[in-house]
PDB file of N, CA and C in Angstrom:
ATOM      1  N   MET A   1     -28.152 -81.145 142.066  1.00  0.00           N
ATOM      2  CA  MET A   1     -29.441 -80.611 141.690  1.00  0.00           C
ATOM      3  C   MET A   1     -29.378 -80.255 140.198  1.00  0.00           C
ATOM      4  N   PRO A   2     -30.253 -80.861 139.396  1.00  0.00           N
ATOM      5  CA  PRO A   2     -30.245 -80.592 137.954  1.00  0.00           C
ATOM      6  C   PRO A   2     -30.623 -79.141 137.643  1.00  0.00           C
ATOM      7  N   GLU A   3     -30.041 -78.640 136.570  1.00  0.00           N
ATOM      8  CA  GLU A   3     -30.412 -77.315 136.067  1.00  0.00           C
ATOM      9  C   GLU A   3     -30.918 -77.464 134.649  1.00  0.00           C
ATOM     10  N   LEU A   4     -31.961 -76.726 134.350  1.00  0.00           N
ATOM     11  CA  LEU A   4     -32.555 -76.730 133.022  1.00  0.00           C
ATOM     12  C   LEU A   4     -32.518 -75.327 132.454  1.00  0.00           C
ATOM     13  N   THR A   5     -32.561 -75.259 131.158  1.00  0.00           N
ATOM     14  CA  THR A   5     -32.769 -73.981 130.492  1.00  0.00           C
ATOM     15  C   THR A   5     -34.203 -73.991 129.996  1.00  0.00           C
ATOM     16  N   VAL A   6     -34.981 -73.030 130.454  1.00  0.00           N
ATOM     17  CA  VAL A   6     -36.363 -72.909 130.003  1.00  0.00           C
ATOM     18  C   VAL A   6     -36.505 -71.568 129.290  1.00  0.00           C
ATOM     19  N   GLU A   7     -37.427 -71.540 128.341  1.00  0.00           N
ATOM     20  CA  GLU A   7     -37.651 -70.313 127.582  1.00  0.00           C
ATOM     21  C   GLU A   7     -38.991 -69.717 127.968  1.00  0.00           C
ATOM     22  N   ILE A   8     -38.948 -68.479 128.380  1.00  0.00           N
ATOM     23  CA  ILE A   8     -40.150 -67.725 128.727  1.00  0.00           C
ATOM     24  C   ILE A   8     -40.083 -66.404 127.969  1.00  0.00           C
ATOM     25  N   ASN A   9     -41.097 -66.151 127.168  1.00  0.00           N
ATOM     26  CA  ASN A   9     -41.180 -64.897 126.421  1.00  0.00           C
ATOM     27  C   ASN A   9     -39.934 -64.653 125.581  1.00  0.00           C
ATOM     28  N   GLY A  10     -39.430 -65.726 124.963  1.00  0.00           N
ATOM     29  CA  GLY A  10     -38.286 -65.583 124.081  1.00  0.00           C
ATOM     30  C   GLY A  10     -36.941 -65.470 124.761  1.00  0.00           C
ATOM     31  N   ARG A  11     -36.901 -65.587 126.076  1.00  0.00           N
ATOM     32  CA  ARG A  11     -35.647 -65.496 126.813  1.00  0.00           C
ATOM     33  C   ARG A  11     -35.364 -66.823 127.494  1.00  0.00           C
ATOM     34  N   ASP A  12     -34.093 -67.180 127.553  1.00  0.00           N
ATOM     35  CA  ASP A  12     -33.682 -68.403 128.227  1.00  0.00           C
ATOM     36  C   ASP A  12     -33.334 -68.104 129.673  1.00  0.00           C
ATOM     37  N   TYR A  13     -33.773 -69.010 130.563  1.00  0.00           N
ATOM     38  CA  TYR A  13     -33.491 -68.911 131.987  1.00  0.00           C
ATOM     39  C   TYR A  13     -32.954 -70.243 132.482  1.00  0.00           C
ATOM     40  N   GLN A  14     -31.908 -70.181 133.285  1.00  0.00           N
ATOM     41  CA  GLN A  14     -31.388 -71.373 133.946  1.00  0.00           C
ATOM     42  C   GLN A  14     -32.157 -71.543 135.252  1.00  0.00           C
ATOM     43  N   VAL A  15     -32.747 -72.724 135.415  1.00  0.00           N
ATOM     44  CA  VAL A  15     -33.554 -72.986 136.604  1.00  0.00           C
ATOM     45  C   VAL A  15     -33.143 -74.328 137.188  1.00  0.00           C
ATOM     46  N   ALA A  16     -32.929 -74.355 138.481  1.00  0.00           N
ATOM     47  CA  ALA A  16     -32.597 -75.603 139.169  1.00  0.00           C
ATOM     48  C   ALA A  16     -33.881 -76.270 139.645  1.00  0.00           C
ATOM     49  N   CYS A  17     -33.835 -77.586 139.739  1.00  0.00           N
ATOM     50  CA  CYS A  17     -34.984 -78.328 140.246  1.00  0.00           C
ATOM     51  C   CYS A  17     -34.492 -79.591 140.946  1.00  0.00           C
ATOM     52  N   ASP A  18     -35.387 -80.243 141.652  1.00  0.00           N
ATOM     53  CA  ASP A  18     -35.051 -81.508 142.287  1.00  0.00           C
ATOM     54  C   ASP A  18     -34.870 -82.576 141.221  1.00  0.00           C
ATOM     55  N   ALA A  19     -34.040 -83.550 141.521  1.00  0.00           N
ATOM     56  CA  ALA A  19     -33.816 -84.656 140.596  1.00  0.00           C
ATOM     57  C   ALA A  19     -35.143 -85.346 140.303  1.00  0.00           C
ATOM     58  N   GLY A  20     -35.368 -85.641 139.036  1.00  0.00           N
ATOM     59  CA  GLY A  20     -36.606 -86.302 138.626  1.00  0.00           C
ATOM     60  C   GLY A  20     -37.736 -85.344 138.309  1.00  0.00           C
ATOM     61  N   GLN A  21     -37.543 -84.056 138.535  1.00  0.00           N
ATOM     62  CA  GLN A  21     -38.591 -83.063 138.303  1.00  0.00           C
ATOM     63  C   GLN A  21     -38.390 -82.286 137.006  1.00  0.00           C
ATOM     64  N   GLU A  22     -37.424 -82.708 136.203  1.00  0.00           N
ATOM     65  CA  GLU A  22     -37.090 -81.963 134.994  1.00  0.00           C
ATOM     66  C   GLU A  22     -38.272 -81.862 134.027  1.00  0.00           C
ATOM     67  N   GLU A  23     -38.928 -82.966 133.765  1.00  0.00           N
ATOM     68  CA  GLU A  23     -40.053 -82.950 132.828  1.00  0.00           C
ATOM     69  C   GLU A  23     -41.198 -82.091 133.360  1.00  0.00           C
ATOM     70  N   HIS A  24     -41.457 -82.199 134.655  1.00  0.00           N
ATOM     71  CA  HIS A  24     -42.524 -81.409 135.272  1.00  0.00           C
ATOM     72  C   HIS A  24     -42.207 -79.917 135.167  1.00  0.00           C
ATOM     73  N   LEU A  25     -40.970 -79.565 135.463  1.00  0.00           N
ATOM     74  CA  LEU A  25     -40.565 -78.160 135.386  1.00  0.00           C
ATOM     75  C   LEU A  25     -40.668 -77.649 133.948  1.00  0.00           C
ATOM     76  N   THR A  26     -40.295 -78.479 132.990  1.00  0.00           N
ATOM     77  CA  THR A  26     -40.402 -78.094 131.584  1.00  0.00           C
ATOM     78  C   THR A  26     -41.850 -77.815 131.215  1.00  0.00           C
ATOM     79  N   LYS A  27     -42.773 -78.662 131.682  1.00  0.00           N
ATOM     80  CA  LYS A  27     -44.201 -78.448 131.411  1.00  0.00           C
ATOM     81  C   LYS A  27     -44.690 -77.157 132.063  1.00  0.00           C
ATOM     82  N   LEU A  28     -44.257 -76.911 133.295  1.00  0.00           N
ATOM     83  CA  LEU A  28     -44.650 -75.671 133.972  1.00  0.00           C
ATOM     84  C   LEU A  28     -44.136 -74.452 133.204  1.00  0.00           C
ATOM     85  N   ALA A  29     -42.897 -74.531 132.741  1.00  0.00           N
ATOM     86  CA  ALA A  29     -42.321 -73.409 131.996  1.00  0.00           C
ATOM     87  C   ALA A  29     -43.097 -73.164 130.707  1.00  0.00           C
ATOM     88  N   ARG A  30     -43.494 -74.237 130.030  1.00  0.00           N
ATOM     89  CA  ARG A  30     -44.295 -74.072 128.807  1.00  0.00           C
ATOM     90  C   ARG A  30     -45.631 -73.398 129.134  1.00  0.00           C
ATOM     91  N   TYR A  31     -46.223 -73.789 130.251  1.00  0.00           N
ATOM     92  CA  TYR A  31     -47.499 -73.208 130.647  1.00  0.00           C
ATOM     93  C   TYR A  31     -47.331 -71.714 130.946  1.00  0.00           C
ATOM     94  N   VAL A  32     -46.298 -71.376 131.699  1.00  0.00           N
ATOM     95  CA  VAL A  32     -46.039 -69.967 132.014  1.00  0.00           C
ATOM     96  C   VAL A  32     -45.763 -69.189 130.726  1.00  0.00           C
ATOM     97  N   ASP A  33     -44.984 -69.774 129.816  1.00  0.00           N
ATOM     98  CA  ASP A  33     -44.687 -69.114 128.547  1.00  0.00           C
ATOM     99  C   ASP A  33     -45.961 -68.885 127.751  1.00  0.00           C
ATOM    100  N   LYS A  34     -46.844 -69.888 127.743  1.00  0.00           N
ATOM    101  CA  LYS A  34     -48.116 -69.746 127.028  1.00  0.00           C
ATOM    102  C   LYS A  34     -48.950 -68.608 127.625  1.00  0.00           C
ATOM    103  N   LYS A  35     -49.057 -68.590 128.957  1.00  0.00           N
ATOM    104  CA  LYS A  35     -49.831 -67.531 129.618  1.00  0.00           C
ATOM    105  C   LYS A  35     -49.216 -66.163 129.344  1.00  0.00           C
ATOM    106  N   MET A  36     -47.890 -66.098 129.408  1.00  0.00           N
ATOM    107  CA  MET A  36     -47.236 -64.821 129.155  1.00  0.00           C
ATOM    108  C   MET A  36     -47.443 -64.404 127.706  1.00  0.00           C
ATOM    109  N   GLY A  37     -47.401 -65.351 126.782  1.00  0.00           N
ATOM    110  CA  GLY A  37     -47.654 -65.045 125.376  1.00  0.00           C
ATOM    111  C   GLY A  37     -49.046 -64.485 125.157  1.00  0.00           C
ATOM    112  N   GLU A  38     -50.025 -65.055 125.848  1.00  0.00           N
ATOM    113  CA  GLU A  38     -51.394 -64.537 125.761  1.00  0.00           C
ATOM    114  C   GLU A  38     -51.454 -63.102 126.280  1.00  0.00           C
ATOM    115  N   LEU A  39     -50.741 -62.864 127.368  1.00  0.00           N
ATOM    116  CA  LEU A  39     -50.723 -61.528 127.964  1.00  0.00           C
ATOM    117  C   LEU A  39     -50.029 -60.532 127.031  1.00  0.00           C
ATOM    118  N   VAL A  40     -48.915 -60.945 126.449  1.00  0.00           N
ATOM    119  CA  VAL A  40     -48.207 -60.072 125.498  1.00  0.00           C
ATOM    120  C   VAL A  40     -49.122 -59.739 124.320  1.00  0.00           C
ATOM    121  N   GLY A  41     -49.920 -60.721 123.902  1.00  0.00           N
ATOM    122  CA  GLY A  41     -50.863 -60.464 122.824  1.00  0.00           C
ATOM    123  C   GLY A  41     -51.890 -59.409 123.186  1.00  0.00           C
ATOM    124  N   SER A  42     -52.197 -59.305 124.474  1.00  0.00           N
ATOM    125  CA  SER A  42     -53.192 -58.327 124.935  1.00  0.00           C
ATOM    126  C   SER A  42     -52.598 -56.959 125.230  1.00  0.00           C
ATOM    127  N   VAL A  43     -51.451 -56.941 125.917  1.00  0.00           N
ATOM    128  CA  VAL A  43     -50.913 -55.662 126.387  1.00  0.00           C
ATOM    129  C   VAL A  43     -49.584 -55.280 125.744  1.00  0.00           C
ATOM    130  N   GLY A  44     -48.987 -56.194 124.984  1.00  0.00           N
ATOM    131  CA  GLY A  44     -47.701 -55.908 124.353  1.00  0.00           C
ATOM    132  C   GLY A  44     -46.532 -56.189 125.286  1.00  0.00           C
ATOM    133  N   GLN A  45     -45.350 -55.901 124.780  1.00  0.00           N
ATOM    134  CA  GLN A  45     -44.125 -56.110 125.559  1.00  0.00           C
ATOM    135  C   GLN A  45     -43.949 -54.917 126.504  1.00  0.00           C
ATOM    136  N   ILE A  46     -44.321 -55.102 127.750  1.00  0.00           N
ATOM    137  CA  ILE A  46     -44.275 -54.002 128.723  1.00  0.00           C
ATOM    138  C   ILE A  46     -43.146 -54.187 129.729  1.00  0.00           C
ATOM    139  N   GLY A  47     -42.216 -55.076 129.436  1.00  0.00           N
ATOM    140  CA  GLY A  47     -41.087 -55.335 130.333  1.00  0.00           C
ATOM    141  C   GLY A  47     -41.248 -56.686 131.011  1.00  0.00           C
ATOM    142  N   ASP A  48     -40.123 -57.384 131.119  1.00  0.00           N
ATOM    143  CA  ASP A  48     -40.158 -58.736 131.682  1.00  0.00           C
ATOM    144  C   ASP A  48     -40.706 -58.787 133.107  1.00  0.00           C
ATOM    145  N   ALA A  49     -40.272 -57.860 133.929  1.00  0.00           N
ATOM    146  CA  ALA A  49     -40.711 -57.894 135.332  1.00  0.00           C
ATOM    147  C   ALA A  49     -42.222 -57.698 135.446  1.00  0.00           C
ATOM    148  N   ARG A  50     -42.746 -56.716 134.754  1.00  0.00           N
ATOM    149  CA  ARG A  50     -44.193 -56.473 134.815  1.00  0.00           C
ATOM    150  C   ARG A  50     -44.970 -57.629 134.230  1.00  0.00           C
ATOM    151  N   LEU A  51     -44.480 -58.181 133.101  1.00  0.00           N
ATOM    152  CA  LEU A  51     -45.148 -59.327 132.496  1.00  0.00           C
ATOM    153  C   LEU A  51     -45.134 -60.525 133.434  1.00  0.00           C
ATOM    154  N   LEU A  52     -44.015 -60.737 134.113  1.00  0.00           N
ATOM    155  CA  LEU A  52     -43.922 -61.867 135.040  1.00  0.00           C
ATOM    156  C   LEU A  52     -44.888 -61.697 136.206  1.00  0.00           C
ATOM    157  N   VAL A  53     -44.974 -60.490 136.735  1.00  0.00           N
ATOM    158  CA  VAL A  53     -45.912 -60.240 137.838  1.00  0.00           C
ATOM    159  C   VAL A  53     -47.346 -60.454 137.366  1.00  0.00           C
ATOM    160  N   MET A  54     -47.692 -59.900 136.220  1.00  0.00           N
ATOM    161  CA  MET A  54     -49.057 -60.042 135.718  1.00  0.00           C
ATOM    162  C   MET A  54     -49.379 -61.501 135.399  1.00  0.00           C
ATOM    163  N   THR A  55     -48.424 -62.219 134.816  1.00  0.00           N
ATOM    164  CA  THR A  55     -48.628 -63.637 134.517  1.00  0.00           C
ATOM    165  C   THR A  55     -48.806 -64.426 135.798  1.00  0.00           C
ATOM    166  N   SER A  56     -47.992 -64.135 136.805  1.00  0.00           N
ATOM    167  CA  SER A  56     -48.118 -64.821 138.094  1.00  0.00           C
ATOM    168  C   SER A  56     -49.486 -64.576 138.709  1.00  0.00           C
ATOM    169  N   LEU A  57     -49.981 -63.360 138.594  1.00  0.00           N
ATOM    170  CA  LEU A  57     -51.310 -63.047 139.135  1.00  0.00           C
ATOM    171  C   LEU A  57     -52.402 -63.791 138.377  1.00  0.00           C
ATOM    172  N   LEU A  58     -52.264 -63.900 137.064  1.00  0.00           N
ATOM    173  CA  LEU A  58     -53.245 -64.660 136.278  1.00  0.00           C
ATOM    174  C   LEU A  58     -53.266 -66.128 136.703  1.00  0.00           C
ATOM    175  N   ILE A  59     -52.083 -66.706 136.893  1.00  0.00           N
ATOM    176  CA  ILE A  59     -52.001 -68.106 137.305  1.00  0.00           C
ATOM    177  C   ILE A  59     -52.526 -68.264 138.736  1.00  0.00           C
ATOM    178  N   ALA A  60     -52.229 -67.311 139.604  1.00  0.00           N
ATOM    179  CA  ALA A  60     -52.763 -67.356 140.976  1.00  0.00           C
ATOM    180  C   ALA A  60     -54.284 -67.273 140.961  1.00  0.00           C
ATOM    181  N   ASP A  61     -54.831 -66.494 140.033  1.00  0.00           N
ATOM    182  CA  ASP A  61     -56.283 -66.394 139.894  1.00  0.00           C
ATOM    183  C   ASP A  61     -56.868 -67.742 139.479  1.00  0.00           C
ATOM    184  N   GLU A  62     -56.202 -68.420 138.559  1.00  0.00           N
ATOM    185  CA  GLU A  62     -56.656 -69.763 138.164  1.00  0.00           C
ATOM    186  C   GLU A  62     -56.627 -70.721 139.351  1.00  0.00           C
ATOM    187  N   LEU A  63     -55.587 -70.630 140.154  1.00  0.00           N
ATOM    188  CA  LEU A  63     -55.478 -71.473 141.343  1.00  0.00           C
ATOM    189  C   LEU A  63     -56.598 -71.160 142.325  1.00  0.00           C
ATOM    190  N   SER A  64     -56.897 -69.887 142.490  1.00  0.00           N
ATOM    191  CA  SER A  64     -57.995 -69.480 143.363  1.00  0.00           C
ATOM    192  C   SER A  64     -59.322 -70.049 142.881  1.00  0.00           C
ATOM    193  N   ASP A  65     -59.537 -69.991 141.564  1.00  0.00           N
ATOM    194  CA  ASP A  65     -60.755 -70.563 140.995  1.00  0.00           C
ATOM    195  C   ASP A  65     -60.834 -72.065 141.253  1.00  0.00           C
ATOM    196  N   ALA A  66     -59.697 -72.744 141.168  1.00  0.00           N
ATOM    197  CA  ALA A  66     -59.671 -74.194 141.423  1.00  0.00           C
ATOM    198  C   ALA A  66     -60.065 -74.484 142.871  1.00  0.00           C
ATOM    199  N   TYR A  67     -59.571 -73.669 143.809  1.00  0.00           N
ATOM    200  CA  TYR A  67     -59.963 -73.823 145.214  1.00  0.00           C
ATOM    201  C   TYR A  67     -61.472 -73.630 145.375  1.00  0.00           C
ATOM    202  N   LYS A  68     -62.012 -72.603 144.737  1.00  0.00           N
ATOM    203  CA  LYS A  68     -63.453 -72.336 144.829  1.00  0.00           C
ATOM    204  C   LYS A  68     -64.273 -73.484 144.252  1.00  0.00           C
ATOM    205  N   GLN A  69     -63.834 -74.037 143.124  1.00  0.00           N
ATOM    206  CA  GLN A  69     -64.540 -75.168 142.520  1.00  0.00           C
ATOM    207  C   GLN A  69     -64.520 -76.373 143.448  1.00  0.00           C
ATOM    208  N   LEU A  70     -63.396 -76.599 144.097  1.00  0.00           N
ATOM    209  CA  LEU A  70     -63.288 -77.716 145.036  1.00  0.00           C
ATOM    210  C   LEU A  70     -64.247 -77.519 146.205  1.00  0.00           C
ATOM    211  N   GLU A  71     -64.300 -76.320 146.725  1.00  0.00           N
ATOM    212  CA  GLU A  71     -65.218 -76.028 147.832  1.00  0.00           C
ATOM    213  C   GLU A  71     -66.665 -76.182 147.378  1.00  0.00           C
ATOM    214  N   SER A  72     -66.976 -75.713 146.182  1.00  0.00           N
ATOM    215  CA  SER A  72     -68.322 -75.823 145.642  1.00  0.00           C
ATOM    216  C   SER A  72     -68.708 -77.282 145.449  1.00  0.00           C
ATOM    217  N   PHE A  73     -67.784 -78.082 144.956  1.00  0.00           N
ATOM    218  CA  PHE A  73     -68.034 -79.513 144.770  1.00  0.00           C
ATOM    219  C   PHE A  73     -68.345 -80.168 146.105  1.00  0.00           C
ATOM    220  N   ASP A  74     -67.564 -79.849 147.119  1.00  0.00           N
ATOM    221  CA  ASP A  74     -67.804 -80.414 148.448  1.00  0.00           C
ATOM    222  C   ASP A  74     -69.189 -80.013 148.964  1.00  0.00           C
ATOM    223  N   ALA A  75     -69.572 -78.758 148.737  1.00  0.00           N
ATOM    224  CA  ALA A  75     -70.869 -78.279 149.202  1.00  0.00           C
ATOM    225  C   ALA A  75     -72.010 -78.962 148.451  1.00  0.00           C
ATOM    226  N   GLU A  76     -71.850 -79.140 147.140  1.00  0.00           N
ATOM    227  CA  GLU A  76     -72.895 -79.767 146.319  1.00  0.00           C
ATOM    228  C   GLU A  76     -73.099 -81.236 146.666  1.00  0.00           C
ATOM    229  N   THR A  77     -72.022 -81.918 146.974  1.00  0.00           N
ATOM    230  CA  THR A  77     -72.126 -83.347 147.255  1.00  0.00           C
ATOM    231  C   THR A  77     -72.507 -83.610 148.705  1.00  0.00           C
ATOM    232  N   GLY A  78     -72.474 -82.574 149.519  1.00  0.00           N
ATOM    233  CA  GLY A  78     -72.785 -82.761 150.937  1.00  0.00           C
ATOM    234  C   GLY A  78     -71.701 -83.534 151.654  1.00  0.00           C
ATOM    235  N   ASP A  79     -70.609 -83.723 150.975  1.00  0.00           N
ATOM    236  CA  ASP A  79     -69.491 -84.470 151.545  1.00  0.00           C
ATOM    237  C   ASP A  79     -68.454 -83.464 152.011  1.00  0.00           C
ATOM    238  N   ASP A  80     -68.130 -83.540 153.294  1.00  0.00           N
ATOM    239  CA  ASP A  80     -67.103 -82.607 153.738  1.00  0.00           C
ATOM    240  C   ASP A  80     -65.755 -82.998 153.145  1.00  0.00           C
ATOM    241  N   GLY A  81     -65.656 -84.232 152.682  1.00  0.00           N
ATOM    242  CA  GLY A  81     -64.483 -84.682 151.943  1.00  0.00           C
ATOM    243  C   GLY A  81     -63.184 -84.328 152.615  1.00  0.00           C
ATOM    244  N   LYS A  82     -63.146 -84.463 153.940  1.00  0.00           N
ATOM    245  CA  LYS A  82     -61.961 -84.017 154.664  1.00  0.00           C
ATOM    246  C   LYS A  82     -60.687 -84.639 154.127  1.00  0.00           C
ATOM    247  N   GLU A  83     -60.711 -85.936 153.868  1.00  0.00           N
ATOM    248  CA  GLU A  83     -59.486 -86.578 153.396  1.00  0.00           C
ATOM    249  C   GLU A  83     -59.164 -86.166 151.964  1.00  0.00           C
ATOM    250  N   SER A  84     -60.168 -86.243 151.074  1.00  0.00           N
ATOM    251  CA  SER A  84     -59.896 -85.881 149.687  1.00  0.00           C
ATOM    252  C   SER A  84     -59.630 -84.389 149.566  1.00  0.00           C
ATOM    253  N   HIS A  85     -60.348 -83.599 150.341  1.00  0.00           N
ATOM    254  CA  HIS A  85     -60.146 -82.156 150.317  1.00  0.00           C
ATOM    255  C   HIS A  85     -58.741 -81.818 150.807  1.00  0.00           C
ATOM    256  N   ALA A  86     -58.316 -82.477 151.867  1.00  0.00           N
ATOM    257  CA  ALA A  86     -56.974 -82.228 152.398  1.00  0.00           C
ATOM    258  C   ALA A  86     -55.910 -82.601 151.371  1.00  0.00           C
ATOM    259  N   ALA A  87     -56.119 -83.706 150.681  1.00  0.00           N
ATOM    260  CA  ALA A  87     -55.153 -84.130 149.670  1.00  0.00           C
ATOM    261  C   ALA A  87     -55.114 -83.141 148.511  1.00  0.00           C
ATOM    262  N   MET A  88     -56.289 -82.708 148.052  1.00  0.00           N
ATOM    263  CA  MET A  88     -56.349 -81.745 146.954  1.00  0.00           C
ATOM    264  C   MET A  88     -55.749 -80.404 147.378  1.00  0.00           C
ATOM    265  N   THR A  89     -56.060 -79.972 148.577  1.00  0.00           N
ATOM    266  CA  THR A  89     -55.525 -78.714 149.080  1.00  0.00           C
ATOM    267  C   THR A  89     -54.006 -78.777 149.148  1.00  0.00           C
ATOM    268  N   SER A  90     -53.509 -79.890 149.642  1.00  0.00           N
ATOM    269  CA  SER A  90     -52.058 -80.068 149.722  1.00  0.00           C
ATOM    270  C   SER A  90     -51.427 -80.036 148.338  1.00  0.00           C
ATOM    271  N   ALA A  91     -52.042 -80.710 147.378  1.00  0.00           N
ATOM    272  CA  ALA A  91     -51.511 -80.723 146.014  1.00  0.00           C
ATOM    273  C   ALA A  91     -51.529 -79.324 145.404  1.00  0.00           C
ATOM    274  N   LEU A  92     -52.625 -78.588 145.606  1.00  0.00           N
ATOM    275  CA  LEU A  92     -52.719 -77.230 145.062  1.00  0.00           C
ATOM    276  C   LEU A  92     -51.715 -76.301 145.727  1.00  0.00           C
ATOM    277  N   GLU A  93     -51.519 -76.463 147.034  1.00  0.00           N
ATOM    278  CA  GLU A  93     -50.545 -75.633 147.733  1.00  0.00           C
ATOM    279  C   GLU A  93     -49.132 -75.932 147.251  1.00  0.00           C
ATOM    280  N   THR A  94     -48.848 -77.211 146.995  1.00  0.00           N
ATOM    281  CA  THR A  94     -47.547 -77.586 146.458  1.00  0.00           C
ATOM    282  C   THR A  94     -47.332 -76.939 145.098  1.00  0.00           C
ATOM    283  N   CYS A  95     -48.364 -76.974 144.249  1.00  0.00           N
ATOM    284  CA  CYS A  95     -48.271 -76.316 142.935  1.00  0.00           C
ATOM    285  C   CYS A  95     -48.028 -74.822 143.092  1.00  0.00           C
ATOM    286  N   ALA A  96     -48.753 -74.207 143.994  1.00  0.00           N
ATOM    287  CA  ALA A  96     -48.589 -72.770 144.208  1.00  0.00           C
ATOM    288  C   ALA A  96     -47.177 -72.445 144.674  1.00  0.00           C
ATOM    289  N   GLN A  97     -46.638 -73.265 145.579  1.00  0.00           N
ATOM    290  CA  GLN A  97     -45.276 -73.044 146.061  1.00  0.00           C
ATOM    291  C   GLN A  97     -44.265 -73.202 144.935  1.00  0.00           C
ATOM    292  N   ARG A  98     -44.484 -74.196 144.083  1.00  0.00           N
ATOM    293  CA  ARG A  98     -43.572 -74.384 142.948  1.00  0.00           C
ATOM    294  C   ARG A  98     -43.624 -73.194 142.007  1.00  0.00           C
ATOM    295  N   ILE A  99     -44.828 -72.699 141.742  1.00  0.00           N
ATOM    296  CA  ILE A  99     -44.974 -71.534 140.864  1.00  0.00           C
ATOM    297  C   ILE A  99     -44.257 -70.332 141.472  1.00  0.00           C
ATOM    298  N   GLU A 100     -44.452 -70.122 142.771  1.00  0.00           N
ATOM    299  CA  GLU A 100     -43.797 -68.993 143.436  1.00  0.00           C
ATOM    300  C   GLU A 100     -42.277 -69.149 143.399  1.00  0.00           C
ATOM    301  N   SER A 101     -41.801 -70.375 143.601  1.00  0.00           N
ATOM    302  CA  SER A 101     -40.364 -70.639 143.566  1.00  0.00           C
ATOM    303  C   SER A 101     -39.789 -70.370 142.184  1.00  0.00           C
ATOM    304  N   ILE A 102     -40.489 -70.826 141.157  1.00  0.00           N
ATOM    305  CA  ILE A 102     -40.030 -70.600 139.780  1.00  0.00           C
ATOM    306  C   ILE A 102     -40.034 -69.109 139.473  1.00  0.00           C
ATOM    307  N   ALA A 103     -41.087 -68.412 139.885  1.00  0.00           N
ATOM    308  CA  ALA A 103     -41.157 -66.968 139.636  1.00  0.00           C
ATOM    309  C   ALA A 103     -40.006 -66.243 140.331  1.00  0.00           C
ATOM    310  N   ALA A 104     -39.686 -66.669 141.545  1.00  0.00           N
ATOM    311  CA  ALA A 104     -38.572 -66.042 142.272  1.00  0.00           C
ATOM    312  C   ALA A 104     -37.251 -66.289 141.560  1.00  0.00           C
ATOM    313  N   ARG A 105     -37.067 -67.499 141.046  1.00  0.00           N
ATOM    314  CA  ARG A 105     -35.830 -67.806 140.317  1.00  0.00           C
ATOM    315  C   ARG A 105     -35.724 -66.959 139.053  1.00  0.00           C
ATOM    316  N   PHE A 106     -36.846 -66.733 138.375  1.00  0.00           N
ATOM    317  CA  PHE A 106     -36.828 -65.904 137.164  1.00  0.00           C
ATOM    318  C   PHE A 106     -36.479 -64.462 137.516  1.00  0.00           C
ATOM    319  N   GLU A 107     -36.996 -63.980 138.628  1.00  0.00           N
ATOM    320  CA  GLU A 107     -36.702 -62.605 139.029  1.00  0.00           C
ATOM    321  C   GLU A 107     -35.225 -62.412 139.279  1.00  0.00           C
ATOM    322  N   HIS A 108     -34.560 -63.447 139.795  1.00  0.00           N
ATOM    323  CA  HIS A 108     -33.147 -63.335 140.144  1.00  0.00           C
ATOM    324  C   HIS A 108     -32.222 -63.781 139.026  1.00  0.00           C
ATOM    325  N   ALA A 109     -32.797 -64.212 137.910  1.00  0.00           N
ATOM    326  CA  ALA A 109     -31.971 -64.686 136.776  1.00  0.00           C
ATOM    327  C   ALA A 109     -31.434 -63.521 135.983  1.00  0.00           C
TER     328      ALA A 109
END
């Protein structure tokens, strides 16, 4: 299992991932770092654990909004979109699980 070093809020973390997922994990880490940087700009350096929790909640909120937009799209089109909706839901759930997994690894790093 490959391990990467990712930088979040100026700190390096060793994170393991599945083979072939290195680039994806790097992009996710950059996104989390960007969100955390925005948060630090608003509230300052309030501790890594608190920043990580707040950043995770912000990203979870974005995911929630994406679910709502998908539901709204289905309602507007009159298409129950069971197959496409199921595929999108599965993809979003996979993303959420990856985010939770990465956050857990950071907590234990």
